[in-house]
Every structure is written in structure tokens, then in C-alpha cells.
Amino acid sequence: MMKELVIRFGDIPTDEAWRVQVLMNQLLTSLTTDGEEGRAAFLEKRKPIFTGGLRKKGEPLPDLTAEERKRVDELKRTGGA
């Protein structure tokens, strides 16, 4: 990921590159199982076993009713006013 960061964002100012790098780290640690594995390995003083697996989040949101869908569409059209 760091190599990709340097290749894609090598020409942007350093402060912006740091922001992108922080965002990428947050996404990786919150969306993959590697974040948990890295923390656990560090605390257990062992080498991590990274798999690149995606974390499962909670249950999906239920489908909207026709009335809820209409309200969401209305809010999109009016900008939430």
C-alpha cells in the first residue's frame, strides 16, 4: 500500500500525502482482518499472519418501504430541506 501511495501521490505536497496515508491506514485497519491481526501480534510479541481478509460488519440494513423510499427520494431532490 505504501508503494502504491508513493506512485500515485508522489507529486502532492507532504501534508496532503500524510492525510492520504492516514486515511488509507484507517481504511485498512477498519475494513480488513489484518488490522486486528497486527494489533494482536504486536501485543503477543509475534510475527503477524496477514491474510487480507475483509471484516464482516453487522447485519445489512432492511429494505426501505415504499413510503420510506419516497421520502429519501424527496430529500435527495430538495437537498435535505
N, C-alpha and C. Protein backbone atom coordinates (compact mmCIF):
# COMPACT_ATOMS: atom_id res chain seq x y z
N MET A 1 0.82 -1.19 0.00
CA MET A 1 0.00 0.00 0.00
C MET A 1 0.86 1.25 0.00
N MET A 2 1.97 1.21 0.74
CA MET A 2 2.84 2.39 0.77
C MET A 2 3.46 2.63 -0.60
N LYS A 3 3.83 1.58 -1.29
CA LYS A 3 4.39 1.73 -2.64
C LYS A 3 3.36 2.36 -3.56
N GLU A 4 2.13 1.90 -3.48
CA GLU A 4 1.04 2.47 -4.28
C GLU A 4 0.84 3.95 -3.93
N LEU A 5 0.91 4.28 -2.66
CA LEU A 5 0.77 5.67 -2.22
C LEU A 5 1.84 6.54 -2.86
N VAL A 6 3.08 6.09 -2.82
CA VAL A 6 4.19 6.86 -3.39
C VAL A 6 4.02 7.02 -4.89
N ILE A 7 3.62 5.96 -5.57
CA ILE A 7 3.45 6.02 -7.03
C ILE A 7 2.32 6.97 -7.40
N ARG A 8 1.18 6.86 -6.75
CA ARG A 8 0.02 7.66 -7.12
C ARG A 8 0.05 9.09 -6.59
N PHE A 9 0.65 9.29 -5.43
CA PHE A 9 0.57 10.60 -4.79
C PHE A 9 1.94 11.22 -4.55
N GLY A 10 2.96 10.76 -5.27
CA GLY A 10 4.31 11.26 -5.08
C GLY A 10 4.50 12.73 -5.39
N ASP A 11 3.61 13.30 -6.18
CA ASP A 11 3.79 14.69 -6.59
C ASP A 11 2.92 15.67 -5.80
N ILE A 12 2.23 15.22 -4.77
CA ILE A 12 1.41 16.14 -3.99
C ILE A 12 2.21 16.64 -2.79
N PRO A 13 1.82 17.75 -2.19
CA PRO A 13 2.54 18.26 -1.02
C PRO A 13 2.55 17.24 0.12
N THR A 14 3.59 17.30 0.93
CA THR A 14 3.80 16.34 2.00
C THR A 14 2.62 16.27 2.96
N ASP A 15 2.05 17.42 3.33
CA ASP A 15 0.93 17.38 4.28
C ASP A 15 -0.28 16.65 3.69
N GLU A 16 -0.51 16.82 2.40
CA GLU A 16 -1.62 16.11 1.75
C GLU A 16 -1.31 14.61 1.65
N ALA A 17 -0.05 14.27 1.38
CA ALA A 17 0.34 12.86 1.30
C ALA A 17 0.13 12.18 2.64
N TRP A 18 0.44 12.89 3.74
CA TRP A 18 0.22 12.32 5.07
C TRP A 18 -1.26 12.07 5.31
N ARG A 19 -2.10 13.00 4.87
CA ARG A 19 -3.56 12.82 5.04
C ARG A 19 -4.05 11.59 4.30
N VAL A 20 -3.56 11.42 3.06
CA VAL A 20 -3.95 10.25 2.27
C VAL A 20 -3.46 8.97 2.95
N GLN A 21 -2.23 9.00 3.45
CA GLN A 21 -1.66 7.83 4.10
C GLN A 21 -2.44 7.47 5.36
N VAL A 22 -2.83 8.46 6.14
CA VAL A 22 -3.62 8.21 7.36
C VAL A 22 -4.97 7.61 6.99
N LEU A 23 -5.61 8.16 5.95
CA LEU A 23 -6.89 7.62 5.50
C LEU A 23 -6.76 6.17 5.06
N MET A 24 -5.72 5.88 4.29
CA MET A 24 -5.51 4.51 3.83
C MET A 24 -5.30 3.57 5.01
N ASN A 25 -4.51 3.99 6.00
CA ASN A 25 -4.30 3.15 7.18
C ASN A 25 -5.59 2.91 7.93
N GLN A 26 -6.40 3.95 8.08
CA GLN A 26 -7.68 3.79 8.79
C GLN A 26 -8.58 2.82 8.05
N LEU A 27 -8.64 2.94 6.74
CA LEU A 27 -9.48 2.03 5.96
C LEU A 27 -8.98 0.59 6.09
N LEU A 28 -7.68 0.40 5.97
CA LEU A 28 -7.13 -0.95 6.05
C LEU A 28 -7.36 -1.57 7.42
N THR A 29 -7.17 -0.80 8.47
CA THR A 29 -7.31 -1.39 9.80
C THR A 29 -8.76 -1.59 10.20
N SER A 30 -9.67 -0.81 9.62
CA SER A 30 -11.07 -0.97 10.00
C SER A 30 -11.83 -1.92 9.08
N LEU A 31 -11.37 -2.10 7.87
CA LEU A 31 -12.12 -2.94 6.92
C LEU A 31 -11.54 -4.33 6.72
N THR A 32 -10.30 -4.55 7.17
CA THR A 32 -9.69 -5.86 6.97
C THR A 32 -9.41 -6.53 8.31
N THR A 33 -9.25 -7.83 8.27
CA THR A 33 -8.88 -8.57 9.47
C THR A 33 -7.42 -8.36 9.82
N ASP A 34 -6.64 -7.82 8.90
CA ASP A 34 -5.22 -7.60 9.14
C ASP A 34 -4.98 -6.58 10.25
N GLY A 35 -5.86 -5.62 10.40
CA GLY A 35 -5.71 -4.65 11.47
C GLY A 35 -5.76 -5.32 12.84
N GLU A 36 -6.73 -6.19 13.02
CA GLU A 36 -6.86 -6.93 14.28
C GLU A 36 -5.66 -7.85 14.49
N GLU A 37 -5.24 -8.52 13.41
CA GLU A 37 -4.12 -9.44 13.49
C GLU A 37 -2.83 -8.69 13.84
N GLY A 38 -2.63 -7.53 13.25
CA GLY A 38 -1.44 -6.74 13.53
C GLY A 38 -1.37 -6.31 14.98
N ARG A 39 -2.50 -5.84 15.51
CA ARG A 39 -2.54 -5.44 16.92
C ARG A 39 -2.29 -6.64 17.84
N ALA A 40 -2.95 -7.75 17.53
CA ALA A 40 -2.79 -8.95 18.37
C ALA A 40 -1.35 -9.45 18.33
N ALA A 41 -0.74 -9.48 17.14
CA ALA A 41 0.64 -9.95 17.02
C ALA A 41 1.60 -9.04 17.78
N PHE A 42 1.37 -7.74 17.70
CA PHE A 42 2.22 -6.79 18.42
C PHE A 42 2.13 -7.04 19.92
N LEU A 43 0.92 -7.16 20.43
CA LEU A 43 0.73 -7.37 21.87
C LEU A 43 1.29 -8.71 22.34
N GLU A 44 1.23 -9.72 21.45
CA GLU A 44 1.73 -11.06 21.80
C GLU A 44 3.21 -11.23 21.44
N LYS A 45 3.81 -10.16 20.91
CA LYS A 45 5.23 -10.16 20.54
C LYS A 45 5.57 -11.31 19.58
N ARG A 46 4.77 -11.40 18.51
CA ARG A 46 4.99 -12.42 17.48
C ARG A 46 4.82 -11.79 16.11
N LYS A 47 5.26 -12.53 15.09
CA LYS A 47 5.08 -12.05 13.73
C LYS A 47 3.61 -12.17 13.34
N PRO A 48 3.07 -11.16 12.66
CA PRO A 48 1.67 -11.25 12.24
C PRO A 48 1.51 -12.19 11.05
N ILE A 49 0.33 -12.74 10.94
CA ILE A 49 -0.04 -13.56 9.78
C ILE A 49 -1.15 -12.82 9.06
N PHE A 50 -0.76 -12.01 8.08
CA PHE A 50 -1.73 -11.20 7.34
C PHE A 50 -2.37 -12.02 6.23
N THR A 51 -3.68 -11.92 6.11
CA THR A 51 -4.40 -12.68 5.08
C THR A 51 -5.14 -11.79 4.09
N GLY A 52 -5.32 -10.52 4.44
CA GLY A 52 -6.06 -9.62 3.55
C GLY A 52 -7.56 -9.84 3.60
N GLY A 53 -8.02 -10.59 4.58
CA GLY A 53 -9.45 -10.86 4.69
C GLY A 53 -10.25 -9.62 5.07
N LEU A 54 -11.47 -9.57 4.61
CA LEU A 54 -12.35 -8.45 4.93
C LEU A 54 -13.15 -8.76 6.18
N ARG A 55 -13.30 -7.74 7.04
CA ARG A 55 -14.11 -7.90 8.25
C ARG A 55 -15.57 -7.92 7.88
N LYS A 56 -16.32 -8.69 8.61
CA LYS A 56 -17.76 -8.70 8.42
C LYS A 56 -18.36 -7.66 9.34
N LYS A 57 -19.17 -6.83 8.79
CA LYS A 57 -19.87 -5.82 9.59
C LYS A 57 -21.21 -6.41 9.99
N GLY A 58 -21.95 -5.70 10.78
CA GLY A 58 -23.23 -6.18 11.29
C GLY A 58 -24.22 -6.56 10.21
N GLU A 59 -25.41 -6.77 10.63
CA GLU A 59 -26.49 -7.15 9.72
C GLU A 59 -26.75 -6.03 8.71
N PRO A 60 -27.11 -6.38 7.48
CA PRO A 60 -27.44 -5.35 6.49
C PRO A 60 -28.70 -4.60 6.90
N LEU A 61 -28.79 -3.37 6.43
CA LEU A 61 -29.98 -2.59 6.71
C LEU A 61 -31.18 -3.21 6.01
N PRO A 62 -32.35 -3.14 6.61
CA PRO A 62 -33.54 -3.71 5.96
C PRO A 62 -33.92 -2.86 4.74
N ASP A 63 -34.62 -3.49 3.80
CA ASP A 63 -35.10 -2.75 2.63
C ASP A 63 -36.08 -1.68 3.08
N LEU A 64 -36.06 -0.57 2.37
CA LEU A 64 -36.98 0.52 2.69
C LEU A 64 -38.38 0.20 2.21
N THR A 65 -39.35 0.69 2.94
CA THR A 65 -40.74 0.58 2.49
C THR A 65 -40.93 1.58 1.35
N ALA A 66 -42.02 1.47 0.64
CA ALA A 66 -42.31 2.41 -0.45
C ALA A 66 -42.38 3.84 0.08
N GLU A 67 -42.97 4.00 1.25
CA GLU A 67 -43.09 5.34 1.85
C GLU A 67 -41.70 5.89 2.22
N GLU A 68 -40.85 5.05 2.79
CA GLU A 68 -39.50 5.49 3.15
C GLU A 68 -38.69 5.83 1.91
N ARG A 69 -38.82 5.02 0.87
CA ARG A 69 -38.11 5.26 -0.39
C ARG A 69 -38.54 6.60 -0.98
N LYS A 70 -39.85 6.88 -0.95
CA LYS A 70 -40.36 8.15 -1.47
C LYS A 70 -39.77 9.32 -0.70
N ARG A 71 -39.69 9.19 0.62
CA ARG A 71 -39.13 10.25 1.47
C ARG A 71 -37.64 10.47 1.17
N VAL A 72 -36.88 9.40 1.00
CA VAL A 72 -35.46 9.51 0.67
C VAL A 72 -35.29 10.20 -0.68
N ASP A 73 -36.09 9.81 -1.66
CA ASP A 73 -36.01 10.44 -2.99
C ASP A 73 -36.33 11.92 -2.90
N GLU A 74 -37.32 12.25 -2.09
CA GLU A 74 -37.70 13.66 -1.91
C GLU A 74 -36.55 14.45 -1.27
N LEU A 75 -35.90 13.86 -0.27
CA LEU A 75 -34.78 14.53 0.38
C LEU A 75 -33.61 14.72 -0.58
N LYS A 76 -33.37 13.76 -1.44
CA LYS A 76 -32.31 13.89 -2.44
C LYS A 76 -32.61 15.05 -3.39
N ARG A 77 -33.86 15.12 -3.83
CA ARG A 77 -34.26 16.18 -4.78
C ARG A 77 -34.15 17.56 -4.17
N THR A 78 -34.53 17.69 -2.92
CA THR A 78 -34.58 19.01 -2.29
C THR A 78 -33.30 19.34 -1.53
N GLY A 79 -32.34 18.43 -1.51
CA GLY A 79 -31.11 18.68 -0.78
C GLY A 79 -31.27 18.55 0.72
N GLY A 80 -32.27 17.84 1.16
CA GLY A 80 -32.47 17.61 2.58
C GLY A 80 -33.23 18.70 3.29
N ALA A 81 -33.80 19.64 2.53
CA ALA A 81 -34.52 20.75 3.16
C ALA A 81 -35.91 20.34 3.60
